[in-house]
Amino acid sequence: MSFFSRQIDRRIAAYQKELIETHYQEVETMYRQMRGWRHDYRSHIQAMKAYAASGDMEAVKKYLDLLDTDLNTVDTAVKTGNSMADAILNSKISLARAKNVPVYADADIPVKLNMSELDLCIILGNLFDNAIEASLQLPEGQRLIRIYMDMKNTQLYISFTNFTAGKKMTKRGRLFQTTKGAGRGLGLMRIDEIIERLDGYLSRNSEDGAFTTEILIPQL
């Protein structure tokens, strides 16, 4: 193995370690918020009972509005049937919402996957991070990320679409040109390496105003 190849391998290994640590920190933060909200649940009920007993229904309404806003930040809206996918998608959805990036997700994984949780984490985490980064280049009101996951016969299908600023992106080799630096480039390389190793299919498509990544991964 050449010196250059060893350097690339070390960079990829370091990037992968940092990526996994970041994803798990985001997941832990989300579940810590959920535990905190549940811990405070009884206090919230007691406060609303006190307002209701005094006849102050306007205060009850305002309190409920505050709770609804707070709950939206930790709501686990996506339940795919796969615990790793749930953890990554929900933590990233929470992160996107905090950055004012709306997310529409329709994800269902009705079977046990043969691929490793590490590979699934890297694929979903990178796709979501890239979609969020691209969305932040747009003004609020024009941002949107669409996610679709399901089984197509014996293959896992993953689709990520996000609106983009500017014109159609141009390809350089197998990847689209990016100005986001080496980290994002490594993330795309890791996705490509995993899909190739798993004998899967990957397509990236840039049209005016939207960027879509589609993946098929055999599960037999």
N, C-alpha and C. Protein backbone atom coordinates (compact mmCIF):
# COMPACT_ATOMS: atom_id res chain seq x y z
N MET A 1 0.84 -1.19 0.00
CA MET A 1 0.00 0.00 0.00
C MET A 1 0.88 1.25 0.00
N SER A 2 0.60 2.20 -0.87
CA SER A 2 1.40 3.40 -0.99
C SER A 2 1.18 4.33 0.18
N PHE A 3 2.13 5.28 0.33
CA PHE A 3 2.01 6.29 1.39
C PHE A 3 0.72 7.09 1.21
N PHE A 4 0.39 7.44 -0.05
CA PHE A 4 -0.82 8.21 -0.33
C PHE A 4 -2.06 7.45 0.10
N SER A 5 -2.09 6.15 -0.21
CA SER A 5 -3.25 5.33 0.16
C SER A 5 -3.40 5.24 1.67
N ARG A 6 -2.27 5.09 2.38
CA ARG A 6 -2.33 5.03 3.85
C ARG A 6 -2.84 6.34 4.42
N GLN A 7 -2.45 7.47 3.82
CA GLN A 7 -2.93 8.77 4.28
C GLN A 7 -4.43 8.89 4.11
N ILE A 8 -4.93 8.45 2.95
CA ILE A 8 -6.37 8.49 2.68
C ILE A 8 -7.12 7.61 3.67
N ASP A 9 -6.59 6.40 3.92
CA ASP A 9 -7.24 5.48 4.86
C ASP A 9 -7.31 6.08 6.25
N ARG A 10 -6.22 6.74 6.68
CA ARG A 10 -6.22 7.35 8.02
C ARG A 10 -7.23 8.50 8.10
N ARG A 11 -7.30 9.30 7.02
CA ARG A 11 -8.26 10.40 7.01
C ARG A 11 -9.69 9.88 7.07
N ILE A 12 -9.96 8.81 6.30
CA ILE A 12 -11.31 8.23 6.30
C ILE A 12 -11.64 7.65 7.67
N ALA A 13 -10.68 6.95 8.29
CA ALA A 13 -10.91 6.35 9.60
C ALA A 13 -11.19 7.43 10.65
N ALA A 14 -10.41 8.53 10.61
CA ALA A 14 -10.60 9.62 11.56
C ALA A 14 -11.95 10.29 11.34
N TYR A 15 -12.31 10.49 10.06
CA TYR A 15 -13.59 11.10 9.75
C TYR A 15 -14.75 10.23 10.20
N GLN A 16 -14.63 8.92 9.96
CA GLN A 16 -15.70 8.00 10.36
C GLN A 16 -15.88 8.01 11.88
N LYS A 17 -14.79 8.01 12.64
CA LYS A 17 -14.86 8.03 14.09
C LYS A 17 -15.54 9.31 14.57
N GLU A 18 -15.17 10.45 13.97
CA GLU A 18 -15.78 11.72 14.35
C GLU A 18 -17.26 11.74 14.01
N LEU A 19 -17.60 11.19 12.84
CA LEU A 19 -18.99 11.16 12.41
C LEU A 19 -19.86 10.35 13.36
N ILE A 20 -19.40 9.15 13.71
CA ILE A 20 -20.17 8.30 14.61
C ILE A 20 -20.33 8.96 15.97
N GLU A 21 -19.26 9.55 16.49
CA GLU A 21 -19.35 10.22 17.79
C GLU A 21 -20.35 11.36 17.75
N THR A 22 -20.35 12.11 16.64
CA THR A 22 -21.30 13.22 16.51
C THR A 22 -22.73 12.71 16.47
N HIS A 23 -22.98 11.66 15.69
CA HIS A 23 -24.33 11.11 15.59
C HIS A 23 -24.83 10.63 16.96
N TYR A 24 -24.00 9.90 17.68
CA TYR A 24 -24.43 9.38 18.97
C TYR A 24 -24.63 10.49 19.98
N GLN A 25 -23.83 11.57 19.90
CA GLN A 25 -24.05 12.71 20.79
C GLN A 25 -25.40 13.36 20.50
N GLU A 26 -25.75 13.48 19.20
CA GLU A 26 -27.05 14.05 18.84
C GLU A 26 -28.19 13.17 19.34
N VAL A 27 -28.04 11.86 19.19
CA VAL A 27 -29.06 10.93 19.68
C VAL A 27 -29.20 11.04 21.20
N GLU A 28 -28.08 11.06 21.90
CA GLU A 28 -28.12 11.16 23.35
C GLU A 28 -28.77 12.46 23.80
N THR A 29 -28.48 13.55 23.10
CA THR A 29 -29.10 14.84 23.43
C THR A 29 -30.61 14.77 23.27
N MET A 30 -31.07 14.15 22.17
CA MET A 30 -32.50 14.04 21.93
C MET A 30 -33.18 13.25 23.03
N TYR A 31 -32.61 12.09 23.41
CA TYR A 31 -33.25 11.27 24.43
C TYR A 31 -33.13 11.88 25.83
N ARG A 32 -32.08 12.66 26.07
CA ARG A 32 -31.98 13.38 27.33
C ARG A 32 -33.10 14.42 27.44
N GLN A 33 -33.39 15.10 26.32
CA GLN A 33 -34.50 16.06 26.30
C GLN A 33 -35.82 15.34 26.56
N MET A 34 -36.00 14.16 25.96
CA MET A 34 -37.24 13.40 26.17
C MET A 34 -37.39 12.98 27.62
N ARG A 35 -36.29 12.51 28.23
CA ARG A 35 -36.35 12.10 29.63
C ARG A 35 -36.68 13.28 30.53
N GLY A 36 -36.09 14.44 30.21
CA GLY A 36 -36.37 15.63 31.00
C GLY A 36 -37.83 16.04 30.91
N TRP A 37 -38.39 15.96 29.70
CA TRP A 37 -39.79 16.35 29.52
C TRP A 37 -40.70 15.40 30.29
N ARG A 38 -40.42 14.11 30.23
CA ARG A 38 -41.24 13.14 30.96
C ARG A 38 -41.13 13.33 32.47
N HIS A 39 -39.92 13.69 32.92
CA HIS A 39 -39.72 13.93 34.35
C HIS A 39 -40.58 15.10 34.83
N ASP A 40 -40.75 16.10 33.97
CA ASP A 40 -41.51 17.29 34.35
C ASP A 40 -43.02 17.14 34.10
N TYR A 41 -43.43 16.01 33.55
CA TYR A 41 -44.82 15.82 33.14
C TYR A 41 -45.80 16.05 34.30
N ARG A 42 -45.51 15.45 35.46
CA ARG A 42 -46.41 15.59 36.60
C ARG A 42 -46.55 17.04 37.04
N SER A 43 -45.43 17.77 37.02
CA SER A 43 -45.48 19.19 37.40
C SER A 43 -46.34 19.99 36.43
N HIS A 44 -46.25 19.66 35.15
CA HIS A 44 -47.07 20.36 34.16
C HIS A 44 -48.55 20.11 34.42
N ILE A 45 -48.90 18.85 34.74
CA ILE A 45 -50.30 18.51 35.01
C ILE A 45 -50.81 19.27 36.24
N GLN A 46 -50.00 19.32 37.28
CA GLN A 46 -50.40 20.01 38.50
C GLN A 46 -50.61 21.50 38.24
N ALA A 47 -49.74 22.11 37.43
CA ALA A 47 -49.88 23.53 37.13
C ALA A 47 -51.18 23.81 36.38
N MET A 48 -51.51 22.97 35.40
CA MET A 48 -52.74 23.16 34.63
C MET A 48 -53.97 22.91 35.49
N LYS A 49 -53.90 21.94 36.41
CA LYS A 49 -55.01 21.71 37.33
C LYS A 49 -55.26 22.93 38.20
N ALA A 50 -54.18 23.58 38.64
CA ALA A 50 -54.32 24.77 39.48
C ALA A 50 -54.98 25.91 38.70
N TYR A 51 -54.57 26.10 37.44
CA TYR A 51 -55.20 27.14 36.61
C TYR A 51 -56.67 26.83 36.38
N ALA A 52 -56.98 25.53 36.10
CA ALA A 52 -58.36 25.14 35.85
C ALA A 52 -59.23 25.31 37.09
N ALA A 53 -58.67 24.99 38.27
CA ALA A 53 -59.44 25.11 39.52
C ALA A 53 -59.80 26.55 39.81
N SER A 54 -58.94 27.48 39.37
CA SER A 54 -59.23 28.89 39.60
C SER A 54 -60.07 29.50 38.49
N GLY A 55 -60.38 28.68 37.47
CA GLY A 55 -61.23 29.15 36.38
C GLY A 55 -60.47 29.93 35.32
N ASP A 56 -59.15 29.94 35.40
CA ASP A 56 -58.36 30.71 34.44
C ASP A 56 -58.04 29.83 33.22
N MET A 57 -59.02 29.69 32.34
CA MET A 57 -58.85 28.82 31.17
C MET A 57 -57.90 29.43 30.14
N GLU A 58 -57.77 30.74 30.13
CA GLU A 58 -56.83 31.38 29.21
C GLU A 58 -55.40 30.99 29.58
N ALA A 59 -55.12 30.91 30.89
CA ALA A 59 -53.81 30.49 31.34
C ALA A 59 -53.54 29.03 30.97
N VAL A 60 -54.59 28.19 31.07
CA VAL A 60 -54.45 26.79 30.68
C VAL A 60 -54.10 26.70 29.19
N LYS A 61 -54.78 27.49 28.37
CA LYS A 61 -54.54 27.48 26.93
C LYS A 61 -53.10 27.89 26.61
N LYS A 62 -52.63 28.97 27.25
CA LYS A 62 -51.27 29.44 27.01
C LYS A 62 -50.25 28.40 27.45
N TYR A 63 -50.54 27.73 28.57
CA TYR A 63 -49.62 26.71 29.09
C TYR A 63 -49.54 25.53 28.11
N LEU A 64 -50.70 25.14 27.58
CA LEU A 64 -50.73 24.05 26.61
C LEU A 64 -49.97 24.41 25.34
N ASP A 65 -50.08 25.67 24.91
CA ASP A 65 -49.34 26.12 23.72
C ASP A 65 -47.84 26.03 23.96
N LEU A 66 -47.40 26.41 25.15
CA LEU A 66 -45.97 26.33 25.48
C LEU A 66 -45.49 24.88 25.50
N LEU A 67 -46.31 24.00 26.08
CA LEU A 67 -45.94 22.59 26.12
C LEU A 67 -45.88 21.98 24.72
N ASP A 68 -46.82 22.39 23.86
CA ASP A 68 -46.85 21.87 22.50
C ASP A 68 -45.58 22.28 21.74
N THR A 69 -45.15 23.52 21.91
CA THR A 69 -43.93 24.00 21.27
C THR A 69 -42.72 23.24 21.79
N ASP A 70 -42.67 23.02 23.10
CA ASP A 70 -41.55 22.32 23.71
C ASP A 70 -41.49 20.87 23.26
N LEU A 71 -42.67 20.22 23.18
CA LEU A 71 -42.73 18.82 22.80
C LEU A 71 -42.30 18.62 21.36
N ASN A 72 -42.59 19.59 20.50
CA ASN A 72 -42.21 19.46 19.09
C ASN A 72 -40.71 19.33 18.89
N THR A 73 -39.93 19.81 19.84
CA THR A 73 -38.47 19.75 19.71
C THR A 73 -37.93 18.36 20.01
N VAL A 74 -38.71 17.50 20.66
CA VAL A 74 -38.23 16.16 21.01
C VAL A 74 -39.14 15.05 20.52
N ASP A 75 -40.13 15.40 19.70
CA ASP A 75 -41.09 14.42 19.23
C ASP A 75 -40.41 13.41 18.30
N THR A 76 -40.52 12.12 18.63
CA THR A 76 -39.96 11.08 17.76
C THR A 76 -41.01 10.71 16.72
N ALA A 77 -41.08 11.52 15.68
CA ALA A 77 -42.15 11.38 14.69
C ALA A 77 -41.93 10.20 13.77
N VAL A 78 -40.68 9.79 13.56
CA VAL A 78 -40.37 8.74 12.62
C VAL A 78 -40.16 7.42 13.34
N LYS A 79 -40.94 6.42 12.98
CA LYS A 79 -40.81 5.08 13.55
C LYS A 79 -40.74 4.11 12.38
N THR A 80 -39.53 3.76 12.00
CA THR A 80 -39.31 2.94 10.82
C THR A 80 -39.44 1.45 11.08
N GLY A 81 -39.25 1.05 12.33
CA GLY A 81 -39.17 -0.36 12.66
C GLY A 81 -37.74 -0.82 12.85
N ASN A 82 -36.78 0.07 12.56
CA ASN A 82 -35.36 -0.21 12.76
C ASN A 82 -34.82 0.80 13.76
N SER A 83 -34.26 0.32 14.89
CA SER A 83 -33.87 1.22 15.98
C SER A 83 -32.78 2.19 15.58
N MET A 84 -31.78 1.74 14.79
CA MET A 84 -30.71 2.65 14.38
C MET A 84 -31.24 3.73 13.44
N ALA A 85 -32.07 3.34 12.48
CA ALA A 85 -32.66 4.33 11.57
C ALA A 85 -33.50 5.33 12.35
N ASP A 86 -34.29 4.83 13.32
CA ASP A 86 -35.11 5.73 14.14
C ASP A 86 -34.23 6.74 14.88
N ALA A 87 -33.15 6.25 15.49
CA ALA A 87 -32.28 7.12 16.28
C ALA A 87 -31.65 8.19 15.41
N ILE A 88 -31.08 7.82 14.27
CA ILE A 88 -30.41 8.78 13.40
C ILE A 88 -31.41 9.76 12.79
N LEU A 89 -32.49 9.25 12.22
CA LEU A 89 -33.46 10.13 11.56
C LEU A 89 -34.09 11.12 12.53
N ASN A 90 -34.50 10.63 13.71
CA ASN A 90 -35.15 11.52 14.65
C ASN A 90 -34.20 12.55 15.23
N SER A 91 -32.95 12.16 15.47
CA SER A 91 -31.99 13.15 15.99
C SER A 91 -31.69 14.20 14.93
N LYS A 92 -31.59 13.80 13.67
CA LYS A 92 -31.32 14.75 12.60
C LYS A 92 -32.53 15.63 12.31
N ILE A 93 -33.74 15.06 12.43
CA ILE A 93 -34.94 15.88 12.26
C ILE A 93 -35.00 16.95 13.34
N SER A 94 -34.66 16.57 14.58
CA SER A 94 -34.62 17.53 15.67
C SER A 94 -33.60 18.63 15.39
N LEU A 95 -32.43 18.23 14.87
CA LEU A 95 -31.40 19.21 14.53
C LEU A 95 -31.86 20.13 13.40
N ALA A 96 -32.50 19.56 12.37
CA ALA A 96 -32.98 20.36 11.25
C ALA A 96 -34.03 21.37 11.71
N ARG A 97 -34.95 20.92 12.56
CA ARG A 97 -35.98 21.83 13.06
C ARG A 97 -35.37 22.98 13.84
N ALA A 98 -34.34 22.69 14.62
CA ALA A 98 -33.67 23.74 15.39
C ALA A 98 -33.04 24.78 14.47
N LYS A 99 -32.70 24.38 13.24
CA LYS A 99 -32.12 25.29 12.26
C LYS A 99 -33.17 25.82 11.29
N ASN A 100 -34.45 25.61 11.62
CA ASN A 100 -35.56 26.07 10.79
C ASN A 100 -35.54 25.46 9.39
N VAL A 101 -35.28 24.15 9.34
CA VAL A 101 -35.33 23.40 8.08
C VAL A 101 -36.43 22.35 8.20
N PRO A 102 -37.57 22.54 7.54
CA PRO A 102 -38.65 21.56 7.61
C PRO A 102 -38.24 20.23 6.98
N VAL A 103 -38.73 19.13 7.55
CA VAL A 103 -38.43 17.80 7.05
C VAL A 103 -39.72 17.01 6.88
N TYR A 104 -39.90 16.41 5.70
CA TYR A 104 -41.01 15.48 5.47
C TYR A 104 -40.40 14.10 5.32
N ALA A 105 -40.75 13.19 6.21
CA ALA A 105 -40.15 11.86 6.19
C ALA A 105 -41.23 10.79 6.13
N ASP A 106 -41.08 9.87 5.19
CA ASP A 106 -41.94 8.69 5.07
C ASP A 106 -40.99 7.49 5.01
N ALA A 107 -40.80 6.84 6.15
CA ALA A 107 -39.79 5.79 6.24
C ALA A 107 -40.36 4.55 6.90
N ASP A 108 -40.15 3.41 6.26
CA ASP A 108 -40.65 2.15 6.80
C ASP A 108 -39.64 1.05 6.45
N ILE A 109 -39.15 0.36 7.47
CA ILE A 109 -38.22 -0.75 7.25
C ILE A 109 -38.85 -1.97 7.93
N PRO A 110 -39.68 -2.71 7.21
CA PRO A 110 -40.45 -3.80 7.83
C PRO A 110 -39.70 -5.10 8.03
N VAL A 111 -38.43 -5.15 7.63
CA VAL A 111 -37.66 -6.39 7.76
C VAL A 111 -36.35 -6.12 8.48
N LYS A 112 -35.75 -7.18 9.01
CA LYS A 112 -34.44 -7.07 9.63
C LYS A 112 -33.40 -6.92 8.53
N LEU A 113 -32.57 -5.89 8.63
CA LEU A 113 -31.59 -5.62 7.60
C LEU A 113 -30.34 -6.48 7.78
N ASN A 114 -29.75 -6.89 6.67
CA ASN A 114 -28.50 -7.64 6.71
C ASN A 114 -27.29 -6.72 6.85
N MET A 115 -27.40 -5.48 6.40
CA MET A 115 -26.30 -4.54 6.49
C MET A 115 -26.06 -4.15 7.95
N SER A 116 -24.84 -3.73 8.26
CA SER A 116 -24.51 -3.39 9.63
C SER A 116 -25.11 -2.05 10.04
N GLU A 117 -25.32 -1.87 11.34
CA GLU A 117 -25.82 -0.59 11.85
C GLU A 117 -24.83 0.53 11.59
N LEU A 118 -23.53 0.21 11.61
CA LEU A 118 -22.51 1.22 11.34
C LEU A 118 -22.66 1.75 9.92
N ASP A 119 -22.84 0.86 8.95
CA ASP A 119 -23.01 1.31 7.56
C ASP A 119 -24.28 2.15 7.42
N LEU A 120 -25.37 1.70 8.04
CA LEU A 120 -26.63 2.44 7.96
C LEU A 120 -26.48 3.82 8.57
N CYS A 121 -25.78 3.90 9.70
CA CYS A 121 -25.56 5.17 10.39
C CYS A 121 -24.77 6.13 9.51
N ILE A 122 -23.71 5.64 8.87
CA ILE A 122 -22.87 6.49 8.02
C ILE A 122 -23.66 7.01 6.82
N ILE A 123 -24.44 6.12 6.19
CA ILE A 123 -25.20 6.53 5.01
C ILE A 123 -26.24 7.59 5.38
N LEU A 124 -27.10 7.30 6.36
CA LEU A 124 -28.17 8.23 6.72
C LEU A 124 -27.62 9.52 7.31
N GLY A 125 -26.61 9.41 8.16
CA GLY A 125 -26.04 10.60 8.78
C GLY A 125 -25.45 11.55 7.77
N ASN A 126 -24.68 11.02 6.82
CA ASN A 126 -24.06 11.86 5.80
C ASN A 126 -25.10 12.49 4.87
N LEU A 127 -26.07 11.68 4.42
CA LEU A 127 -27.11 12.22 3.55
C LEU A 127 -27.87 13.35 4.23
N PHE A 128 -28.19 13.16 5.51
CA PHE A 128 -28.96 14.18 6.23
C PHE A 128 -28.11 15.43 6.47
N ASP A 129 -26.86 15.26 6.87
CA ASP A 129 -25.99 16.42 7.11
C ASP A 129 -25.82 17.25 5.84
N ASN A 130 -25.61 16.59 4.72
CA ASN A 130 -25.45 17.30 3.46
C ASN A 130 -26.72 18.04 3.07
N ALA A 131 -27.88 17.41 3.30
CA ALA A 131 -29.15 18.05 2.97
C ALA A 131 -29.39 19.28 3.84
N ILE A 132 -29.04 19.19 5.12
CA ILE A 132 -29.20 20.34 6.02
C ILE A 132 -28.28 21.48 5.59
N GLU A 133 -27.01 21.17 5.29
CA GLU A 133 -26.05 22.19 4.86
C GLU A 133 -26.54 22.92 3.61
N ALA A 134 -27.04 22.16 2.65
CA ALA A 134 -27.54 22.77 1.42
C ALA A 134 -28.77 23.62 1.69
N SER A 135 -29.65 23.15 2.58
CA SER A 135 -30.89 23.88 2.89
C SER A 135 -30.60 25.23 3.55
N LEU A 136 -29.55 25.29 4.36
CA LEU A 136 -29.23 26.52 5.07
C LEU A 136 -28.77 27.64 4.14
N GLN A 137 -28.46 27.30 2.88
CA GLN A 137 -28.09 28.33 1.91
C GLN A 137 -29.32 29.05 1.36
N LEU A 138 -30.51 28.50 1.65
CA LEU A 138 -31.77 29.10 1.20
C LEU A 138 -32.41 29.91 2.31
N PRO A 139 -33.21 30.93 1.96
CA PRO A 139 -33.94 31.66 2.99
C PRO A 139 -35.03 30.80 3.59
N GLU A 140 -35.40 31.07 4.83
CA GLU A 140 -36.49 30.34 5.46
C GLU A 140 -37.75 30.49 4.62
N GLY A 141 -38.52 29.44 4.53
CA GLY A 141 -39.70 29.44 3.69
C GLY A 141 -39.47 28.72 2.37
N GLN A 142 -38.20 28.61 1.98
CA GLN A 142 -37.87 27.88 0.75
C GLN A 142 -37.14 26.57 1.06
N ARG A 143 -36.90 26.30 2.33
CA ARG A 143 -36.17 25.11 2.73
C ARG A 143 -37.10 23.91 2.88
N LEU A 144 -36.63 22.75 2.46
CA LEU A 144 -37.41 21.52 2.65
C LEU A 144 -36.52 20.32 2.34
N ILE A 145 -36.60 19.32 3.21
CA ILE A 145 -35.93 18.04 2.98
C ILE A 145 -37.00 16.96 2.94
N ARG A 146 -36.95 16.13 1.89
CA ARG A 146 -37.89 15.01 1.76
C ARG A 146 -37.11 13.70 1.86
N ILE A 147 -37.60 12.79 2.70
CA ILE A 147 -36.94 11.51 2.90
C ILE A 147 -37.96 10.40 2.67
N TYR A 148 -37.53 9.40 1.90
CA TYR A 148 -38.39 8.23 1.70
C TYR A 148 -37.54 6.98 1.84
N MET A 149 -38.00 6.03 2.66
CA MET A 149 -37.31 4.75 2.83
C MET A 149 -38.35 3.63 2.87
N ASP A 150 -38.07 2.57 2.14
CA ASP A 150 -38.97 1.41 2.15
C ASP A 150 -38.26 0.25 1.46
N MET A 151 -38.86 -0.91 1.55
CA MET A 151 -38.33 -2.08 0.84
C MET A 151 -38.96 -2.15 -0.55
N LYS A 152 -38.12 -2.33 -1.55
CA LYS A 152 -38.59 -2.59 -2.91
C LYS A 152 -38.17 -4.02 -3.23
N ASN A 153 -39.13 -4.92 -3.12
CA ASN A 153 -38.85 -6.36 -3.22
C ASN A 153 -37.81 -6.73 -2.16
N THR A 154 -36.61 -7.13 -2.56
CA THR A 154 -35.60 -7.55 -1.58
C THR A 154 -34.52 -6.48 -1.37
N GLN A 155 -34.79 -5.24 -1.77
CA GLN A 155 -33.80 -4.18 -1.65
C GLN A 155 -34.32 -3.04 -0.78
N LEU A 156 -33.42 -2.48 0.02
CA LEU A 156 -33.76 -1.30 0.81
C LEU A 156 -33.59 -0.07 -0.09
N TYR A 157 -34.66 0.72 -0.20
CA TYR A 157 -34.64 1.93 -1.02
C TYR A 157 -34.56 3.15 -0.11
N ILE A 158 -33.61 4.03 -0.40
CA ILE A 158 -33.43 5.27 0.37
C ILE A 158 -33.40 6.43 -0.60
N SER A 159 -34.20 7.47 -0.33
CA SER A 159 -34.22 8.65 -1.18
C SER A 159 -34.19 9.91 -0.31
N PHE A 160 -33.25 10.81 -0.60
CA PHE A 160 -33.15 12.11 0.06
C PHE A 160 -33.23 13.19 -1.01
N THR A 161 -34.14 14.15 -0.83
CA THR A 161 -34.25 15.28 -1.74
C THR A 161 -34.26 16.57 -0.92
N ASN A 162 -33.48 17.55 -1.35
CA ASN A 162 -33.51 18.86 -0.70
C ASN A 162 -33.49 19.94 -1.76
N PHE A 163 -34.15 21.06 -1.45
CA PHE A 163 -34.10 22.21 -2.35
C PHE A 163 -32.71 22.83 -2.26
N THR A 164 -32.25 23.41 -3.35
CA THR A 164 -30.92 23.99 -3.39
C THR A 164 -30.96 25.41 -3.94
N ALA A 165 -29.93 26.17 -3.60
CA ALA A 165 -29.80 27.52 -4.13
C ALA A 165 -29.01 27.47 -5.44
N GLY A 166 -29.35 28.32 -6.39
CA GLY A 166 -28.57 28.40 -7.61
C GLY A 166 -29.01 27.43 -8.67
N LYS A 167 -28.16 27.30 -9.69
CA LYS A 167 -28.49 26.48 -10.84
C LYS A 167 -28.08 25.03 -10.62
N LYS A 168 -28.31 24.24 -11.66
CA LYS A 168 -27.96 22.83 -11.63
C LYS A 168 -26.48 22.65 -11.32
N MET A 169 -26.18 21.72 -10.38
CA MET A 169 -24.80 21.46 -10.01
C MET A 169 -24.10 20.66 -11.10
N THR A 170 -22.77 20.79 -11.16
CA THR A 170 -22.00 20.07 -12.17
C THR A 170 -21.21 18.95 -11.52
N LYS A 171 -21.06 17.85 -12.26
CA LYS A 171 -20.34 16.69 -11.76
C LYS A 171 -18.85 16.81 -12.05
N ARG A 172 -18.06 16.28 -11.12
CA ARG A 172 -16.63 16.13 -11.32
C ARG A 172 -16.30 14.68 -11.01
N GLY A 173 -16.12 13.88 -12.08
CA GLY A 173 -15.96 12.44 -11.87
C GLY A 173 -17.30 11.84 -11.48
N ARG A 174 -17.31 11.07 -10.39
CA ARG A 174 -18.54 10.42 -9.92
C ARG A 174 -19.34 11.31 -8.98
N LEU A 175 -18.70 12.39 -8.46
CA LEU A 175 -19.34 13.23 -7.47
C LEU A 175 -19.66 14.60 -8.05
N PHE A 176 -20.67 15.25 -7.45
CA PHE A 176 -20.97 16.62 -7.82
C PHE A 176 -20.00 17.55 -7.12
N GLN A 177 -19.66 18.64 -7.81
CA GLN A 177 -18.71 19.60 -7.26
C GLN A 177 -19.29 20.22 -6.00
N THR A 178 -18.45 20.35 -4.96
CA THR A 178 -18.89 20.93 -3.69
C THR A 178 -17.88 21.94 -3.20
N THR A 179 -18.39 22.92 -2.48
CA THR A 179 -17.52 23.94 -1.90
C THR A 179 -17.49 23.82 -0.38
N LYS A 180 -17.95 22.68 0.15
CA LYS A 180 -18.10 22.53 1.60
C LYS A 180 -16.86 21.96 2.28
N GLY A 181 -15.79 21.70 1.50
CA GLY A 181 -14.55 21.27 2.14
C GLY A 181 -14.36 19.77 2.14
N ALA A 182 -13.20 19.34 2.71
CA ALA A 182 -12.81 17.93 2.67
C ALA A 182 -13.74 17.03 3.45
N GLY A 183 -14.31 17.54 4.54
CA GLY A 183 -15.18 16.71 5.37
C GLY A 183 -16.36 16.17 4.61
N ARG A 184 -17.02 17.05 3.88
CA ARG A 184 -18.19 16.60 3.11
C ARG A 184 -17.76 15.66 1.99
N GLY A 185 -16.61 15.95 1.35
CA GLY A 185 -16.12 15.07 0.31
C GLY A 185 -15.86 13.67 0.81
N LEU A 186 -15.29 13.57 2.03
CA LEU A 186 -15.05 12.27 2.63
C LEU A 186 -16.35 11.54 2.93
N GLY A 187 -17.34 12.30 3.35
CA GLY A 187 -18.64 11.70 3.63
C GLY A 187 -19.24 11.07 2.39
N LEU A 188 -19.15 11.76 1.25
CA LEU A 188 -19.66 11.22 0.00
C LEU A 188 -18.86 9.99 -0.43
N MET A 189 -17.55 10.04 -0.24
CA MET A 189 -16.70 8.89 -0.56
C MET A 189 -17.06 7.68 0.28
N ARG A 190 -17.36 7.90 1.57
CA ARG A 190 -17.72 6.79 2.44
C ARG A 190 -19.02 6.15 2.00
N ILE A 191 -20.01 6.99 1.60
CA ILE A 191 -21.26 6.44 1.10
C ILE A 191 -21.01 5.59 -0.14
N ASP A 192 -20.23 6.13 -1.08
CA ASP A 192 -19.94 5.39 -2.31
C ASP A 192 -19.25 4.06 -2.02
N GLU A 193 -18.29 4.08 -1.08
CA GLU A 193 -17.55 2.86 -0.75
C GLU A 193 -18.46 1.80 -0.16
N ILE A 194 -19.38 2.22 0.72
CA ILE A 194 -20.30 1.28 1.36
C ILE A 194 -21.26 0.68 0.34
N ILE A 195 -21.82 1.53 -0.53
CA ILE A 195 -22.77 1.04 -1.53
C ILE A 195 -22.10 0.07 -2.48
N GLU A 196 -20.87 0.38 -2.88
CA GLU A 196 -20.13 -0.52 -3.76
C GLU A 196 -19.84 -1.85 -3.07
N ARG A 197 -19.42 -1.78 -1.80
CA ARG A 197 -19.11 -3.00 -1.06
C ARG A 197 -20.34 -3.89 -0.88
N LEU A 198 -21.52 -3.28 -0.74
CA LEU A 198 -22.75 -4.02 -0.53
C LEU A 198 -23.45 -4.38 -1.84
N ASP A 199 -22.77 -4.13 -2.97
CA ASP A 199 -23.35 -4.42 -4.29
C ASP A 199 -24.66 -3.67 -4.50
N GLY A 200 -24.70 -2.44 -4.02
CA GLY A 200 -25.90 -1.64 -4.16
C GLY A 200 -25.84 -0.71 -5.37
N TYR A 201 -26.84 0.15 -5.46
CA TYR A 201 -26.96 1.11 -6.56
C TYR A 201 -27.13 2.49 -5.96
N LEU A 202 -26.44 3.49 -6.55
CA LEU A 202 -26.53 4.86 -6.07
C LEU A 202 -26.66 5.81 -7.24
N SER A 203 -27.58 6.76 -7.12
CA SER A 203 -27.78 7.77 -8.16
C SER A 203 -27.91 9.14 -7.50
N ARG A 204 -27.13 10.10 -8.02
CA ARG A 204 -27.26 11.49 -7.58
C ARG A 204 -27.74 12.33 -8.76
N ASN A 205 -28.77 13.13 -8.52
CA ASN A 205 -29.36 13.90 -9.61
C ASN A 205 -29.58 15.35 -9.18
N SER A 206 -29.02 16.27 -9.93
CA SER A 206 -29.18 17.69 -9.65
C SER A 206 -29.99 18.35 -10.76
N GLU A 207 -31.17 18.82 -10.41
CA GLU A 207 -31.99 19.61 -11.31
C GLU A 207 -32.14 20.99 -10.72
N ASP A 208 -32.55 21.95 -11.54
CA ASP A 208 -32.68 23.31 -11.04
C ASP A 208 -33.58 23.35 -9.81
N GLY A 209 -32.99 23.73 -8.69
CA GLY A 209 -33.78 23.89 -7.47
C GLY A 209 -33.87 22.68 -6.57
N ALA A 210 -33.31 21.53 -6.98
CA ALA A 210 -33.43 20.34 -6.14
C ALA A 210 -32.25 19.39 -6.37
N PHE A 211 -31.89 18.67 -5.32
CA PHE A 211 -30.82 17.67 -5.40
C PHE A 211 -31.35 16.39 -4.76
N THR A 212 -31.24 15.28 -5.48
CA THR A 212 -31.78 14.00 -5.01
C THR A 212 -30.71 12.91 -5.03
N THR A 213 -30.65 12.16 -3.95
CA THR A 213 -29.81 10.96 -3.88
C THR A 213 -30.72 9.76 -3.70
N GLU A 214 -30.56 8.75 -4.55
CA GLU A 214 -31.34 7.52 -4.45
C GLU A 214 -30.39 6.34 -4.30
N ILE A 215 -30.75 5.43 -3.39
CA ILE A 215 -29.90 4.28 -3.09
C ILE A 215 -30.74 3.02 -3.03
N LEU A 216 -30.22 1.93 -3.57
CA LEU A 216 -30.82 0.62 -3.44
C LEU A 216 -29.76 -0.33 -2.88
N ILE A 217 -30.09 -1.05 -1.79
CA ILE A 217 -29.15 -1.96 -1.16
C ILE A 217 -29.78 -3.35 -1.02
N PRO A 218 -29.23 -4.35 -1.71
CA PRO A 218 -29.79 -5.72 -1.61
C PRO A 218 -29.76 -6.22 -0.17
N GLN A 219 -30.81 -6.95 0.20
CA GLN A 219 -30.88 -7.48 1.57
C GLN A 219 -30.96 -9.01 1.58
N LEU A 220 -30.65 -9.64 0.48
CA LEU A 220 -30.61 -11.10 0.40
C LEU A 220 -29.24 -11.55 -0.07
